[in-house]
Amino acid sequence: MAPDPDPAAASGLRTPPEPPAARVALTPAAADLLRELHAEHGPLMFHQSGGCCDGSAPMCYPAGEFLTGGSDVHLGDLDVPGAGPVPFWMARAQYAYWQHTHLTVDVVPGRGAGFSLEAPTGLRFLIRSRLLTDGELASLGLL
């Protein structure tokens, strides 16, 4: 029998698999705004519908105010120190187009989307995107 070239395998130790790649992240400026909104509104959530007009922007709501269901995909939770985890949801139809994309929530000057909590702040959330790498796709089972 040929020796196992992996010393960890030979000793019975296995390296745990890498966790799946993150699908969504946020910039420091977006994290700052989320902390402000959390202080005023409590726990938060995002939903990205992919609709027209305001629906194409990520919408920030008090957690649980926007009801999600089978027509939505939970992309992950944004870790926002001082505001707890902020779940990020996307409409399943939009996810069909964006499933190979990593999203970064950012904030820029402007009027926020109609019902999104940042609307009166003079800032608005937006999505910056990039294609997932082959390694990220593999970790998510998409390759």
C-alpha atoms as a PDB file:
ATOM      1  CA  MET A   1       0.000   0.000   0.000  1.00  0.00           C
ATOM      2  CA  ALA A   2       1.416   3.379  -0.975  1.00  0.00           C
ATOM      3  CA  PRO A   3       1.937   5.881   1.849  1.00  0.00           C
ATOM      4  CA  ASP A   4      -0.545   8.735   2.093  1.00  0.00           C
ATOM      5  CA  PRO A   5       1.286  11.902   0.958  1.00  0.00           C
ATOM      6  CA  ASP A   6      -0.826  14.037   3.353  1.00  0.00           C
ATOM      7  CA  PRO A   7       0.688  13.831   6.891  1.00  0.00           C
ATOM      8  CA  ALA A   8      -2.537  15.154   8.424  1.00  0.00           C
ATOM      9  CA  ALA A   9      -4.524  12.415   6.694  1.00  0.00           C
ATOM     10  CA  ALA A  10      -2.020   9.777   7.830  1.00  0.00           C
ATOM     11  CA  SER A  11      -2.447  10.896  11.444  1.00  0.00           C
ATOM     12  CA  GLY A  12      -6.241  10.758  11.135  1.00  0.00           C
ATOM     13  CA  LEU A  13      -6.582  14.547  11.230  1.00  0.00           C
ATOM     14  CA  ARG A  14      -8.493  16.196   8.460  1.00  0.00           C
ATOM     15  CA  THR A  15      -8.452  19.851   7.559  1.00  0.00           C
ATOM     16  CA  PRO A  16     -12.000  21.173   7.819  1.00  0.00           C
ATOM     17  CA  PRO A  17     -13.439  22.423   4.531  1.00  0.00           C
ATOM     18  CA  GLU A  18     -13.298  26.128   3.820  1.00  0.00           C
ATOM     19  CA  PRO A  19     -16.546  27.938   4.617  1.00  0.00           C
ATOM     20  CA  PRO A  20     -18.562  29.104   1.605  1.00  0.00           C
ATOM     21  CA  ALA A  21     -17.555  32.448   0.165  1.00  0.00           C
ATOM     22  CA  ALA A  22     -19.434  35.509   1.347  1.00  0.00           C
ATOM     23  CA  ARG A  23     -21.961  36.728  -1.198  1.00  0.00           C
ATOM     24  CA  VAL A  24     -22.437  40.172   0.320  1.00  0.00           C
ATOM     25  CA  ALA A  25     -20.250  42.689   2.152  1.00  0.00           C
ATOM     26  CA  LEU A  26     -20.348  46.374   3.014  1.00  0.00           C
ATOM     27  CA  THR A  27     -18.068  49.380   2.968  1.00  0.00           C
ATOM     28  CA  PRO A  28     -17.037  51.218   6.147  1.00  0.00           C
ATOM     29  CA  ALA A  29     -19.260  54.164   5.134  1.00  0.00           C
ATOM     30  CA  ALA A  30     -22.266  51.836   4.789  1.00  0.00           C
ATOM     31  CA  ALA A  31     -21.459  50.284   8.176  1.00  0.00           C
ATOM     32  CA  ASP A  32     -21.392  53.770   9.754  1.00  0.00           C
ATOM     33  CA  LEU A  33     -24.816  54.607   8.329  1.00  0.00           C
ATOM     34  CA  LEU A  34     -26.202  51.247   9.465  1.00  0.00           C
ATOM     35  CA  ARG A  35     -24.989  51.951  13.022  1.00  0.00           C
ATOM     36  CA  GLU A  36     -26.820  55.309  12.943  1.00  0.00           C
ATOM     37  CA  LEU A  37     -29.990  53.702  11.603  1.00  0.00           C
ATOM     38  CA  HIS A  38     -29.752  50.895  14.156  1.00  0.00           C
ATOM     39  CA  ALA A  39     -29.506  53.425  17.005  1.00  0.00           C
ATOM     40  CA  GLU A  40     -32.733  55.015  15.794  1.00  0.00           C
ATOM     41  CA  HIS A  41     -34.714  52.006  14.525  1.00  0.00           C
ATOM     42  CA  GLY A  42     -33.286  48.900  16.213  1.00  0.00           C
ATOM     43  CA  PRO A  43     -32.345  45.704  14.312  1.00  0.00           C
ATOM     44  CA  LEU A  44     -32.217  46.080  10.534  1.00  0.00           C
ATOM     45  CA  MET A  45     -32.489  44.061   7.339  1.00  0.00           C
ATOM     46  CA  PHE A  46     -31.929  44.594   3.602  1.00  0.00           C
ATOM     47  CA  HIS A  47     -33.984  43.453   0.637  1.00  0.00           C
ATOM     48  CA  GLN A  48     -32.906  43.772  -2.997  1.00  0.00           C
ATOM     49  CA  SER A  49     -35.871  43.324  -5.310  1.00  0.00           C
ATOM     50  CA  GLY A  50     -34.428  44.088  -8.726  1.00  0.00           C
ATOM     51  CA  GLY A  51     -37.588  45.924  -9.729  1.00  0.00           C
ATOM     52  CA  CYS A  52     -37.663  49.194 -11.567  1.00  0.00           C
ATOM     53  CA  CYS A  53     -37.039  52.633 -10.086  1.00  0.00           C
ATOM     54  CA  ASP A  54     -36.473  52.457  -6.314  1.00  0.00           C
ATOM     55  CA  GLY A  55     -36.800  48.665  -6.442  1.00  0.00           C
ATOM     56  CA  SER A  56     -33.379  48.362  -8.045  1.00  0.00           C
ATOM     57  CA  ALA A  57     -31.710  49.820  -4.933  1.00  0.00           C
ATOM     58  CA  PRO A  58     -31.029  47.811  -1.777  1.00  0.00           C
ATOM     59  CA  MET A  59     -33.809  48.715   0.643  1.00  0.00           C
ATOM     60  CA  CYS A  60     -33.081  48.919   4.370  1.00  0.00           C
ATOM     61  CA  TYR A  61     -35.956  48.171   6.760  1.00  0.00           C
ATOM     62  CA  PRO A  62     -36.436  47.520  10.457  1.00  0.00           C
ATOM     63  CA  ALA A  63     -35.852  43.771  10.867  1.00  0.00           C
ATOM     64  CA  GLY A  64     -39.010  41.827  10.078  1.00  0.00           C
ATOM     65  CA  GLU A  65     -40.871  44.783   8.586  1.00  0.00           C
ATOM     66  CA  PHE A  66     -40.400  43.441   5.062  1.00  0.00           C
ATOM     67  CA  LEU A  67     -41.816  39.918   4.960  1.00  0.00           C
ATOM     68  CA  THR A  68     -39.634  37.409   3.134  1.00  0.00           C
ATOM     69  CA  GLY A  69     -40.678  33.996   1.920  1.00  0.00           C
ATOM     70  CA  GLY A  70     -40.106  31.365  -0.731  1.00  0.00           C
ATOM     71  CA  SER A  71     -39.722  34.004  -3.423  1.00  0.00           C
ATOM     72  CA  ASP A  72     -36.620  35.402  -1.655  1.00  0.00           C
ATOM     73  CA  VAL A  73     -33.038  34.187  -1.172  1.00  0.00           C
ATOM     74  CA  HIS A  74     -31.048  34.939   2.001  1.00  0.00           C
ATOM     75  CA  LEU A  75     -27.593  35.909   0.714  1.00  0.00           C
ATOM     76  CA  GLY A  76     -26.092  36.243   4.177  1.00  0.00           C
ATOM     77  CA  ASP A  77     -25.808  38.465   7.208  1.00  0.00           C
ATOM     78  CA  LEU A  78     -23.699  41.609   7.199  1.00  0.00           C
ATOM     79  CA  ASP A  79     -21.586  41.813  10.343  1.00  0.00           C
ATOM     80  CA  VAL A  80     -21.956  45.381  11.582  1.00  0.00           C
ATOM     81  CA  PRO A  81     -20.199  45.961  14.927  1.00  0.00           C
ATOM     82  CA  GLY A  82     -22.530  48.028  17.071  1.00  0.00           C
ATOM     83  CA  ALA A  83     -25.586  47.064  15.018  1.00  0.00           C
ATOM     84  CA  GLY A  84     -25.501  43.279  15.113  1.00  0.00           C
ATOM     85  CA  PRO A  85     -26.010  41.060  12.091  1.00  0.00           C
ATOM     86  CA  VAL A  86     -28.028  42.631   9.275  1.00  0.00           C
ATOM     87  CA  PRO A  87     -29.669  39.971   7.056  1.00  0.00           C
ATOM     88  CA  PHE A  88     -29.527  40.619   3.314  1.00  0.00           C
ATOM     89  CA  TRP A  89     -32.298  39.158   1.152  1.00  0.00           C
ATOM     90  CA  MET A  90     -32.817  39.213  -2.605  1.00  0.00           C
ATOM     91  CA  ALA A  91     -35.851  38.413  -4.730  1.00  0.00           C
ATOM     92  CA  ARG A  92     -35.384  34.935  -6.225  1.00  0.00           C
ATOM     93  CA  ALA A  93     -35.997  36.263  -9.761  1.00  0.00           C
ATOM     94  CA  GLN A  94     -33.185  38.820  -9.299  1.00  0.00           C
ATOM     95  CA  TYR A  95     -30.936  36.159  -7.773  1.00  0.00           C
ATOM     96  CA  ALA A  96     -31.278  34.127 -10.974  1.00  0.00           C
ATOM     97  CA  TYR A  97     -29.416  36.956 -12.732  1.00  0.00           C
ATOM     98  CA  TRP A  98     -26.954  37.775  -9.935  1.00  0.00           C
ATOM     99  CA  GLN A  99     -26.099  34.343  -8.520  1.00  0.00           C
ATOM    100  CA  HIS A 100     -22.532  34.556  -9.875  1.00  0.00           C
ATOM    101  CA  THR A 101     -21.973  38.003  -8.370  1.00  0.00           C
ATOM    102  CA  HIS A 102     -20.509  39.271  -5.098  1.00  0.00           C
ATOM    103  CA  LEU A 103     -22.347  42.359  -3.824  1.00  0.00           C
ATOM    104  CA  THR A 104     -20.948  45.181  -1.724  1.00  0.00           C
ATOM    105  CA  VAL A 105     -23.366  47.574  -0.045  1.00  0.00           C
ATOM    106  CA  ASP A 106     -22.044  51.128  -0.265  1.00  0.00           C
ATOM    107  CA  VAL A 107     -23.475  54.562   0.443  1.00  0.00           C
ATOM    108  CA  VAL A 108     -23.329  57.745  -1.638  1.00  0.00           C
ATOM    109  CA  PRO A 109     -24.866  61.222  -1.352  1.00  0.00           C
ATOM    110  CA  GLY A 110     -28.418  61.382  -2.640  1.00  0.00           C
ATOM    111  CA  ARG A 111     -31.980  60.644  -1.717  1.00  0.00           C
ATOM    112  CA  GLY A 112     -32.573  57.113  -0.465  1.00  0.00           C
ATOM    113  CA  ALA A 113     -35.194  54.873  -1.999  1.00  0.00           C
ATOM    114  CA  GLY A 114     -38.821  55.589  -1.046  1.00  0.00           C
ATOM    115  CA  PHE A 115     -39.379  53.280   1.926  1.00  0.00           C
ATOM    116  CA  SER A 116     -35.740  52.632   2.799  1.00  0.00           C
ATOM    117  CA  LEU A 117     -34.692  53.930   6.218  1.00  0.00           C
ATOM    118  CA  GLU A 118     -31.842  56.082   4.898  1.00  0.00           C
ATOM    119  CA  ALA A 119     -34.195  58.194   2.729  1.00  0.00           C
ATOM    120  CA  PRO A 120     -34.205  61.268   5.029  1.00  0.00           C
ATOM    121  CA  THR A 121     -30.442  61.212   5.740  1.00  0.00           C
ATOM    122  CA  GLY A 122     -29.226  62.744   2.467  1.00  0.00           C
ATOM    123  CA  LEU A 123     -27.454  59.457   1.676  1.00  0.00           C
ATOM    124  CA  ARG A 124     -28.533  56.391  -0.233  1.00  0.00           C
ATOM    125  CA  PHE A 125     -27.444  52.781  -0.281  1.00  0.00           C
ATOM    126  CA  LEU A 126     -26.273  51.275  -3.559  1.00  0.00           C
ATOM    127  CA  ILE A 127     -24.791  47.995  -4.708  1.00  0.00           C
ATOM    128  CA  ARG A 128     -21.332  47.592  -6.175  1.00  0.00           C
ATOM    129  CA  SER A 129     -20.791  44.208  -7.752  1.00  0.00           C
ATOM    130  CA  ARG A 130     -18.125  41.949  -9.160  1.00  0.00           C
ATOM    131  CA  LEU A 131     -18.148  38.435 -10.536  1.00  0.00           C
ATOM    132  CA  LEU A 132     -17.320  35.705  -8.045  1.00  0.00           C
ATOM    133  CA  THR A 133     -13.947  34.027  -8.580  1.00  0.00           C
ATOM    134  CA  ASP A 134     -13.735  30.364  -9.569  1.00  0.00           C
ATOM    135  CA  GLY A 135     -12.720  29.526  -5.985  1.00  0.00           C
ATOM    136  CA  GLU A 136     -15.723  31.416  -4.575  1.00  0.00           C
ATOM    137  CA  LEU A 137     -18.061  29.748  -7.082  1.00  0.00           C
ATOM    138  CA  ALA A 138     -16.689  26.325  -6.146  1.00  0.00           C
ATOM    139  CA  SER A 139     -17.138  27.007  -2.413  1.00  0.00           C
ATOM    140  CA  LEU A 140     -20.779  27.914  -3.082  1.00  0.00           C
ATOM    141  CA  GLY A 141     -21.374  24.810  -5.217  1.00  0.00           C
ATOM    142  CA  LEU A 142     -21.907  26.853  -8.382  1.00  0.00           C
ATOM    143  CA  LEU A 143     -18.939  25.498 -10.342  1.00  0.00           C
END
